[in-house]
């Protein structure tokens, strides 16, 4: 959750990919709070991404997140 200790701890070393490249609110939970984004993909400086998107899933009350991530040629 964006206001959680865990989220802020991860944000110190990693980037929230949805904030960098996502479109819209990025909500991932359909049931209790359909506007809430509770699923994340974090990347470190050695990775880069061309896209992230939310996808339909079956058998879950969450939408899926799909990202195209690759290792950069040179480490920072």
PDB file of N, CA and C in Angstrom:
ATOM      1  N   UNK A   1       0.842  -1.174   0.000  1.00  0.00           N
ATOM      2  CA  UNK A   1       0.000   0.000   0.000  1.00  0.00           C
ATOM      3  C   UNK A   1       0.894   1.247   0.000  1.00  0.00           C
ATOM      4  N   UNK A   2       0.521   2.272  -0.722  1.00  0.00           N
ATOM      5  CA  UNK A   2       1.369   3.449  -0.862  1.00  0.00           C
ATOM      6  C   UNK A   2       1.726   4.146   0.457  1.00  0.00           C
ATOM      7  N   UNK A   3       0.890   4.039   1.449  1.00  0.00           N
ATOM      8  CA  UNK A   3       1.177   4.693   2.726  1.00  0.00           C
ATOM      9  C   UNK A   3       1.824   3.762   3.731  1.00  0.00           C
ATOM     10  N   UNK A   4       2.190   2.576   3.310  1.00  0.00           N
ATOM     11  CA  UNK A   4       2.724   1.588   4.248  1.00  0.00           C
ATOM     12  C   UNK A   4       4.232   1.738   4.447  1.00  0.00           C
ATOM     13  N   UNK A   5       4.701   1.217   5.542  1.00  0.00           N
ATOM     14  CA  UNK A   5       6.131   1.194   5.846  1.00  0.00           C
ATOM     15  C   UNK A   5       6.880   0.389   4.784  1.00  0.00           C
ATOM     16  N   UNK A   6       6.309  -0.752   4.385  1.00  0.00           N
ATOM     17  CA  UNK A   6       6.963  -1.611   3.388  1.00  0.00           C
ATOM     18  C   UNK A   6       7.148  -0.873   2.059  1.00  0.00           C
ATOM     19  N   UNK A   7       6.121  -0.162   1.608  1.00  0.00           N
ATOM     20  CA  UNK A   7       6.212   0.576   0.345  1.00  0.00           C
ATOM     21  C   UNK A   7       7.321   1.625   0.419  1.00  0.00           C
ATOM     22  N   UNK A   8       7.336   2.407   1.480  1.00  0.00           N
ATOM     23  CA  UNK A   8       8.346   3.463   1.610  1.00  0.00           C
ATOM     24  C   UNK A   8       9.756   2.894   1.762  1.00  0.00           C
ATOM     25  N   UNK A   9       9.882   1.740   2.395  1.00  0.00           N
ATOM     26  CA  UNK A   9      11.182   1.086   2.512  1.00  0.00           C
ATOM     27  C   UNK A   9      11.684   0.647   1.138  1.00  0.00           C
ATOM     28  N   UNK A  10      10.812   0.040   0.344  1.00  0.00           N
ATOM     29  CA  UNK A  10      11.194  -0.383  -1.009  1.00  0.00           C
ATOM     30  C   UNK A  10      11.533   0.806  -1.903  1.00  0.00           C
ATOM     31  N   UNK A  11      10.786   1.905  -1.766  1.00  0.00           N
ATOM     32  CA  UNK A  11      11.004   3.079  -2.608  1.00  0.00           C
ATOM     33  C   UNK A  11      12.364   3.734  -2.373  1.00  0.00           C
ATOM     34  N   UNK A  12      13.021   3.417  -1.272  1.00  0.00           N
ATOM     35  CA  UNK A  12      14.339   3.989  -1.007  1.00  0.00           C
ATOM     36  C   UNK A  12      15.392   3.442  -1.969  1.00  0.00           C
ATOM     37  N   UNK A  13      15.208   2.203  -2.431  1.00  0.00           N
ATOM     38  CA  UNK A  13      16.200   1.572  -3.306  1.00  0.00           C
ATOM     39  C   UNK A  13      15.673   1.200  -4.684  1.00  0.00           C
ATOM     40  N   UNK A  14      14.361   1.188  -4.844  1.00  0.00           N
ATOM     41  CA  UNK A  14      13.757   0.748  -6.095  1.00  0.00           C
ATOM     42  C   UNK A  14      12.767   1.787  -6.602  1.00  0.00           C
ATOM     43  N   UNK A  15      12.436   1.702  -7.875  1.00  0.00           N
ATOM     44  CA  UNK A  15      11.456   2.598  -8.486  1.00  0.00           C
ATOM     45  C   UNK A  15      10.145   1.862  -8.685  1.00  0.00           C
ATOM     46  N   UNK A  16       9.060   2.535  -8.389  1.00  0.00           N
ATOM     47  CA  UNK A  16       7.716   2.019  -8.634  1.00  0.00           C
ATOM     48  C   UNK A  16       7.452   2.202 -10.125  1.00  0.00           C
ATOM     49  N   UNK A  17       7.440   1.110 -10.851  1.00  0.00           N
ATOM     50  CA  UNK A  17       7.354   1.180 -12.308  1.00  0.00           C
ATOM     51  C   UNK A  17       6.059   1.828 -12.786  1.00  0.00           C
ATOM     52  N   UNK A  18       4.954   1.614 -12.083  1.00  0.00           N
ATOM     53  CA  UNK A  18       3.681   2.220 -12.509  1.00  0.00           C
ATOM     54  C   UNK A  18       3.775   3.748 -12.467  1.00  0.00           C
ATOM     55  N   UNK A  19       4.435   4.289 -11.449  1.00  0.00           N
ATOM     56  CA  UNK A  19       4.577   5.744 -11.369  1.00  0.00           C
ATOM     57  C   UNK A  19       5.434   6.283 -12.505  1.00  0.00           C
ATOM     58  N   UNK A  20       6.360   5.490 -12.999  1.00  0.00           N
ATOM     59  CA  UNK A  20       7.226   5.924 -14.100  1.00  0.00           C
ATOM     60  C   UNK A  20       6.540   5.832 -15.452  1.00  0.00           C
ATOM     61  N   UNK A  21       5.800   4.737 -15.683  1.00  0.00           N
ATOM     62  CA  UNK A  21       5.312   4.482 -17.040  1.00  0.00           C
ATOM     63  C   UNK A  21       3.843   4.104 -17.143  1.00  0.00           C
ATOM     64  N   UNK A  22       3.179   3.921 -16.035  1.00  0.00           N
ATOM     65  CA  UNK A  22       1.788   3.489 -16.078  1.00  0.00           C
ATOM     66  C   UNK A  22       0.853   4.592 -16.531  1.00  0.00           C
ATOM     67  N   UNK A  23      -0.343   4.195 -16.882  1.00  0.00           N
ATOM     68  CA  UNK A  23      -1.359   5.138 -17.326  1.00  0.00           C
ATOM     69  C   UNK A  23      -2.570   5.034 -16.407  1.00  0.00           C
ATOM     70  N   UNK A  24      -3.057   6.153 -15.926  1.00  0.00           N
ATOM     71  CA  UNK A  24      -4.218   6.152 -15.045  1.00  0.00           C
ATOM     72  C   UNK A  24      -3.842   5.820 -13.609  1.00  0.00           C
ATOM     73  N   UNK A  25      -4.856   5.422 -12.839  1.00  0.00           N
ATOM     74  CA  UNK A  25      -4.657   5.136 -11.417  1.00  0.00           C
ATOM     75  C   UNK A  25      -3.887   3.852 -11.160  1.00  0.00           C
ATOM     76  N   UNK A  26      -3.972   2.916 -12.076  1.00  0.00           N
ATOM     77  CA  UNK A  26      -3.275   1.649 -11.893  1.00  0.00           C
ATOM     78  C   UNK A  26      -3.944   0.732 -10.894  1.00  0.00           C
ATOM     79  N   UNK A  27      -5.237   0.901 -10.698  1.00  0.00           N
ATOM     80  CA  UNK A  27      -5.933   0.075  -9.704  1.00  0.00           C
ATOM     81  C   UNK A  27      -5.819  -1.397 -10.063  1.00  0.00           C
ATOM     82  N   UNK A  28      -5.591  -2.215  -9.054  1.00  0.00           N
ATOM     83  CA  UNK A  28      -5.374  -3.638  -9.301  1.00  0.00           C
ATOM     84  C   UNK A  28      -6.297  -4.537  -8.492  1.00  0.00           C
ATOM     85  N   UNK A  29      -7.107  -3.955  -7.622  1.00  0.00           N
ATOM     86  CA  UNK A  29      -7.980  -4.764  -6.775  1.00  0.00           C
ATOM     87  C   UNK A  29      -9.423  -4.470  -7.136  1.00  0.00           C
ATOM     88  N   UNK A  30     -10.185  -5.502  -7.484  1.00  0.00           N
ATOM     89  CA  UNK A  30     -11.536  -5.309  -7.999  1.00  0.00           C
ATOM     90  C   UNK A  30     -12.626  -5.297  -6.940  1.00  0.00           C
ATOM     91  N   UNK A  31     -12.403  -5.890  -5.802  1.00  0.00           N
ATOM     92  CA  UNK A  31     -13.494  -6.163  -4.868  1.00  0.00           C
ATOM     93  C   UNK A  31     -13.819  -5.005  -3.924  1.00  0.00           C
ATOM     94  N   UNK A  32     -13.193  -4.969  -2.779  1.00  0.00           N
ATOM     95  CA  UNK A  32     -13.566  -4.034  -1.719  1.00  0.00           C
ATOM     96  C   UNK A  32     -13.314  -2.577  -2.110  1.00  0.00           C
ATOM     97  N   UNK A  33     -12.163  -2.298  -2.646  1.00  0.00           N
ATOM     98  CA  UNK A  33     -11.797  -0.925  -3.009  1.00  0.00           C
ATOM     99  C   UNK A  33     -11.315  -0.907  -4.457  1.00  0.00           C
ATOM    100  N   UNK A  34     -12.232  -0.799  -5.403  1.00  0.00           N
ATOM    101  CA  UNK A  34     -11.847  -0.920  -6.814  1.00  0.00           C
ATOM    102  C   UNK A  34     -10.938   0.187  -7.332  1.00  0.00           C
ATOM    103  N   UNK A  35     -10.720   1.240  -6.575  1.00  0.00           N
ATOM    104  CA  UNK A  35      -9.805   2.294  -7.022  1.00  0.00           C
ATOM    105  C   UNK A  35      -8.440   2.180  -6.356  1.00  0.00           C
ATOM    106  N   UNK A  36      -8.239   1.133  -5.584  1.00  0.00           N
ATOM    107  CA  UNK A  36      -7.009   0.981  -4.817  1.00  0.00           C
ATOM    108  C   UNK A  36      -5.950   0.215  -5.601  1.00  0.00           C
ATOM    109  N   UNK A  37      -4.748   0.747  -5.631  1.00  0.00           N
ATOM    110  CA  UNK A  37      -3.616   0.059  -6.263  1.00  0.00           C
ATOM    111  C   UNK A  37      -2.815  -0.613  -5.158  1.00  0.00           C
ATOM    112  N   UNK A  38      -2.864  -1.947  -5.124  1.00  0.00           N
ATOM    113  CA  UNK A  38      -2.170  -2.680  -4.056  1.00  0.00           C
ATOM    114  C   UNK A  38      -1.154  -3.676  -4.603  1.00  0.00           C
ATOM    115  N   UNK A  39      -0.979  -3.719  -5.901  1.00  0.00           N
ATOM    116  CA  UNK A  39       0.005  -4.605  -6.523  1.00  0.00           C
ATOM    117  C   UNK A  39       1.023  -3.740  -7.258  1.00  0.00           C
ATOM    118  N   UNK A  40       2.289  -4.105  -7.129  1.00  0.00           N
ATOM    119  CA  UNK A  40       3.362  -3.252  -7.622  1.00  0.00           C
ATOM    120  C   UNK A  40       4.436  -4.068  -8.325  1.00  0.00           C
ATOM    121  N   UNK A  41       5.149  -3.406  -9.213  1.00  0.00           N
ATOM    122  CA  UNK A  41       6.393  -3.934  -9.761  1.00  0.00           C
ATOM    123  C   UNK A  41       7.445  -2.872  -9.479  1.00  0.00           C
ATOM    124  N   UNK A  42       8.462  -3.255  -8.729  1.00  0.00           N
ATOM    125  CA  UNK A  42       9.575  -2.365  -8.420  1.00  0.00           C
ATOM    126  C   UNK A  42      10.791  -2.807  -9.235  1.00  0.00           C
ATOM    127  N   UNK A  43      11.549  -1.846  -9.727  1.00  0.00           N
ATOM    128  CA  UNK A  43      12.781  -2.178 -10.446  1.00  0.00           C
ATOM    129  C   UNK A  43      13.952  -1.410  -9.830  1.00  0.00           C
ATOM    130  N   UNK A  44      15.139  -1.984  -9.982  1.00  0.00           N
ATOM    131  CA  UNK A  44      16.343  -1.321  -9.474  1.00  0.00           C
ATOM    132  C   UNK A  44      17.018  -0.566 -10.619  1.00  0.00           C
ATOM    133  N   UNK A  45      18.057   0.225 -10.334  1.00  0.00           N
ATOM    134  CA  UNK A  45      18.707   1.015 -11.387  1.00  0.00           C
ATOM    135  C   UNK A  45      19.367   0.186 -12.489  1.00  0.00           C
ATOM    136  N   UNK A  46      19.569  -1.089 -12.286  1.00  0.00           N
ATOM    137  CA  UNK A  46      20.187  -1.935 -13.313  1.00  0.00           C
ATOM    138  C   UNK A  46      19.179  -2.429 -14.342  1.00  0.00           C
ATOM    139  N   UNK A  47      17.916  -2.148 -14.112  1.00  0.00           N
ATOM    140  CA  UNK A  47      16.865  -2.597 -15.013  1.00  0.00           C
ATOM    141  C   UNK A  47      16.217  -1.409 -15.696  1.00  0.00           C
ATOM    142  N   UNK A  48      15.657  -1.680 -16.866  1.00  0.00           N
ATOM    143  CA  UNK A  48      14.868  -0.664 -17.557  1.00  0.00           C
ATOM    144  C   UNK A  48      13.633  -1.327 -18.142  1.00  0.00           C
ATOM    145  N   UNK A  49      12.627  -0.532 -18.348  1.00  0.00           N
ATOM    146  CA  UNK A  49      11.371  -1.062 -18.848  1.00  0.00           C
ATOM    147  C   UNK A  49      10.855  -0.192 -19.978  1.00  0.00           C
ATOM    148  N   UNK A  50      10.206  -0.841 -20.928  1.00  0.00           N
ATOM    149  CA  UNK A  50       9.583  -0.110 -22.025  1.00  0.00           C
ATOM    150  C   UNK A  50       8.108   0.137 -21.755  1.00  0.00           C
ATOM    151  N   UNK A  51       7.495  -0.749 -20.962  1.00  0.00           N
ATOM    152  CA  UNK A  51       6.071  -0.572 -20.688  1.00  0.00           C
ATOM    153  C   UNK A  51       5.638  -1.366 -19.465  1.00  0.00           C
ATOM    154  N   UNK A  52       4.540  -0.926 -18.890  1.00  0.00           N
ATOM    155  CA  UNK A  52       3.835  -1.674 -17.862  1.00  0.00           C
ATOM    156  C   UNK A  52       2.350  -1.478 -18.147  1.00  0.00           C
ATOM    157  N   UNK A  53       1.586  -2.536 -17.998  1.00  0.00           N
ATOM    158  CA  UNK A  53       0.151  -2.408 -18.213  1.00  0.00           C
ATOM    159  C   UNK A  53      -0.600  -3.361 -17.299  1.00  0.00           C
ATOM    160  N   UNK A  54      -1.843  -3.020 -17.071  1.00  0.00           N
ATOM    161  CA  UNK A  54      -2.735  -3.862 -16.282  1.00  0.00           C
ATOM    162  C   UNK A  54      -3.441  -4.811 -17.239  1.00  0.00           C
ATOM    163  N   UNK A  55      -3.559  -6.075 -16.844  1.00  0.00           N
ATOM    164  CA  UNK A  55      -4.197  -7.064 -17.709  1.00  0.00           C
ATOM    165  C   UNK A  55      -5.334  -7.759 -16.971  1.00  0.00           C
ATOM    166  N   UNK A  56      -6.286  -8.253 -17.731  1.00  0.00           N
ATOM    167  CA  UNK A  56      -7.397  -9.023 -17.170  1.00  0.00           C
ATOM    168  C   UNK A  56      -6.891 -10.387 -16.724  1.00  0.00           C
ATOM    169  N   UNK A  57      -7.415 -10.873 -15.630  1.00  0.00           N
ATOM    170  CA  UNK A  57      -7.059 -12.199 -15.134  1.00  0.00           C
ATOM    171  C   UNK A  57      -8.326 -12.952 -14.778  1.00  0.00           C
ATOM    172  N   UNK A  58      -8.215 -14.256 -14.723  1.00  0.00           N
ATOM    173  CA  UNK A  58      -9.329 -15.074 -14.260  1.00  0.00           C
ATOM    174  C   UNK A  58      -8.889 -15.789 -12.989  1.00  0.00           C
ATOM    175  N   UNK A  59      -9.829 -16.069 -12.131  1.00  0.00           N
ATOM    176  CA  UNK A  59      -9.521 -16.810 -10.918  1.00  0.00           C
ATOM    177  C   UNK A  59      -8.894 -15.979  -9.819  1.00  0.00           C
ATOM    178  N   UNK A  60      -8.955 -14.662  -9.937  1.00  0.00           N
ATOM    179  CA  UNK A  60      -8.375 -13.792  -8.912  1.00  0.00           C
ATOM    180  C   UNK A  60      -9.215 -12.532  -8.788  1.00  0.00           C
ATOM    181  N   UNK A  61      -9.188 -11.924  -7.620  1.00  0.00           N
ATOM    182  CA  UNK A  61      -9.867 -10.644  -7.449  1.00  0.00           C
ATOM    183  C   UNK A  61      -8.918  -9.471  -7.725  1.00  0.00           C
ATOM    184  N   UNK A  62      -7.741  -9.776  -8.240  1.00  0.00           N
ATOM    185  CA  UNK A  62      -6.764  -8.760  -8.631  1.00  0.00           C
ATOM    186  C   UNK A  62      -6.598  -8.772 -10.149  1.00  0.00           C
ATOM    187  N   UNK A  63      -6.340  -7.594 -10.700  1.00  0.00           N
ATOM    188  CA  UNK A  63      -5.881  -7.527 -12.082  1.00  0.00           C
ATOM    189  C   UNK A  63      -4.396  -7.872 -12.085  1.00  0.00           C
ATOM    190  N   UNK A  64      -3.901  -8.348 -13.194  1.00  0.00           N
ATOM    191  CA  UNK A  64      -2.477  -8.630 -13.299  1.00  0.00           C
ATOM    192  C   UNK A  64      -1.716  -7.401 -13.772  1.00  0.00           C
ATOM    193  N   UNK A  65      -0.439  -7.384 -13.493  1.00  0.00           N
ATOM    194  CA  UNK A  65       0.455  -6.355 -14.027  1.00  0.00           C
ATOM    195  C   UNK A  65       1.471  -7.052 -14.916  1.00  0.00           C
ATOM    196  N   UNK A  66       1.679  -6.506 -16.092  1.00  0.00           N
ATOM    197  CA  UNK A  66       2.621  -7.071 -17.043  1.00  0.00           C
ATOM    198  C   UNK A  66       3.607  -5.978 -17.438  1.00  0.00           C
ATOM    199  N   UNK A  67       4.893  -6.270 -17.287  1.00  0.00           N
ATOM    200  CA  UNK A  67       5.923  -5.282 -17.628  1.00  0.00           C
ATOM    201  C   UNK A  67       6.959  -5.918 -18.538  1.00  0.00           C
ATOM    202  N   UNK A  68       7.451  -5.117 -19.455  1.00  0.00           N
ATOM    203  CA  UNK A  68       8.549  -5.512 -20.332  1.00  0.00           C
ATOM    204  C   UNK A  68       9.817  -4.935 -19.712  1.00  0.00           C
ATOM    205  N   UNK A  69      10.606  -5.787 -19.050  1.00  0.00           N
ATOM    206  CA  UNK A  69      11.783  -5.345 -18.302  1.00  0.00           C
ATOM    207  C   UNK A  69      13.017  -6.038 -18.863  1.00  0.00           C
ATOM    208  N   UNK A  70      14.116  -5.291 -18.943  1.00  0.00           N
ATOM    209  CA  UNK A  70      15.372  -5.898 -19.377  1.00  0.00           C
ATOM    210  C   UNK A  70      16.524  -5.336 -18.552  1.00  0.00           C
ATOM    211  N   UNK A  71      17.622  -6.064 -18.560  1.00  0.00           N
ATOM    212  CA  UNK A  71      18.823  -5.635 -17.859  1.00  0.00           C
ATOM    213  C   UNK A  71      19.546  -4.620 -18.734  1.00  0.00           C
ATOM    214  N   UNK A  72      19.962  -3.515 -18.144  1.00  0.00           N
ATOM    215  CA  UNK A  72      20.712  -2.504 -18.895  1.00  0.00           C
ATOM    216  C   UNK A  72      22.066  -3.069 -19.295  1.00  0.00           C
ATOM    217  N   UNK A  73      22.633  -2.545 -20.342  1.00  0.00           N
ATOM    218  CA  UNK A  73      23.930  -3.021 -20.831  1.00  0.00           C
ATOM    219  C   UNK A  73      25.043  -2.797 -19.821  1.00  0.00           C
ATOM    220  N   UNK A  74      25.029  -1.642 -19.175  1.00  0.00           N
ATOM    221  CA  UNK A  74      26.072  -1.324 -18.202  1.00  0.00           C
ATOM    222  C   UNK A  74      25.431  -1.059 -16.848  1.00  0.00           C
ATOM    223  N   UNK A  75      25.995  -1.637 -15.828  1.00  0.00           N
ATOM    224  CA  UNK A  75      25.506  -1.381 -14.477  1.00  0.00           C
ATOM    225  C   UNK A  75      25.859   0.047 -14.081  1.00  0.00           C
ATOM    226  N   UNK A  76      25.002   0.704 -13.285  1.00  0.00           N
ATOM    227  CA  UNK A  76      25.285   2.096 -12.883  1.00  0.00           C
ATOM    228  C   UNK A  76      26.489   2.193 -11.957  1.00  0.00           C
TER     229      UNK A  76
END
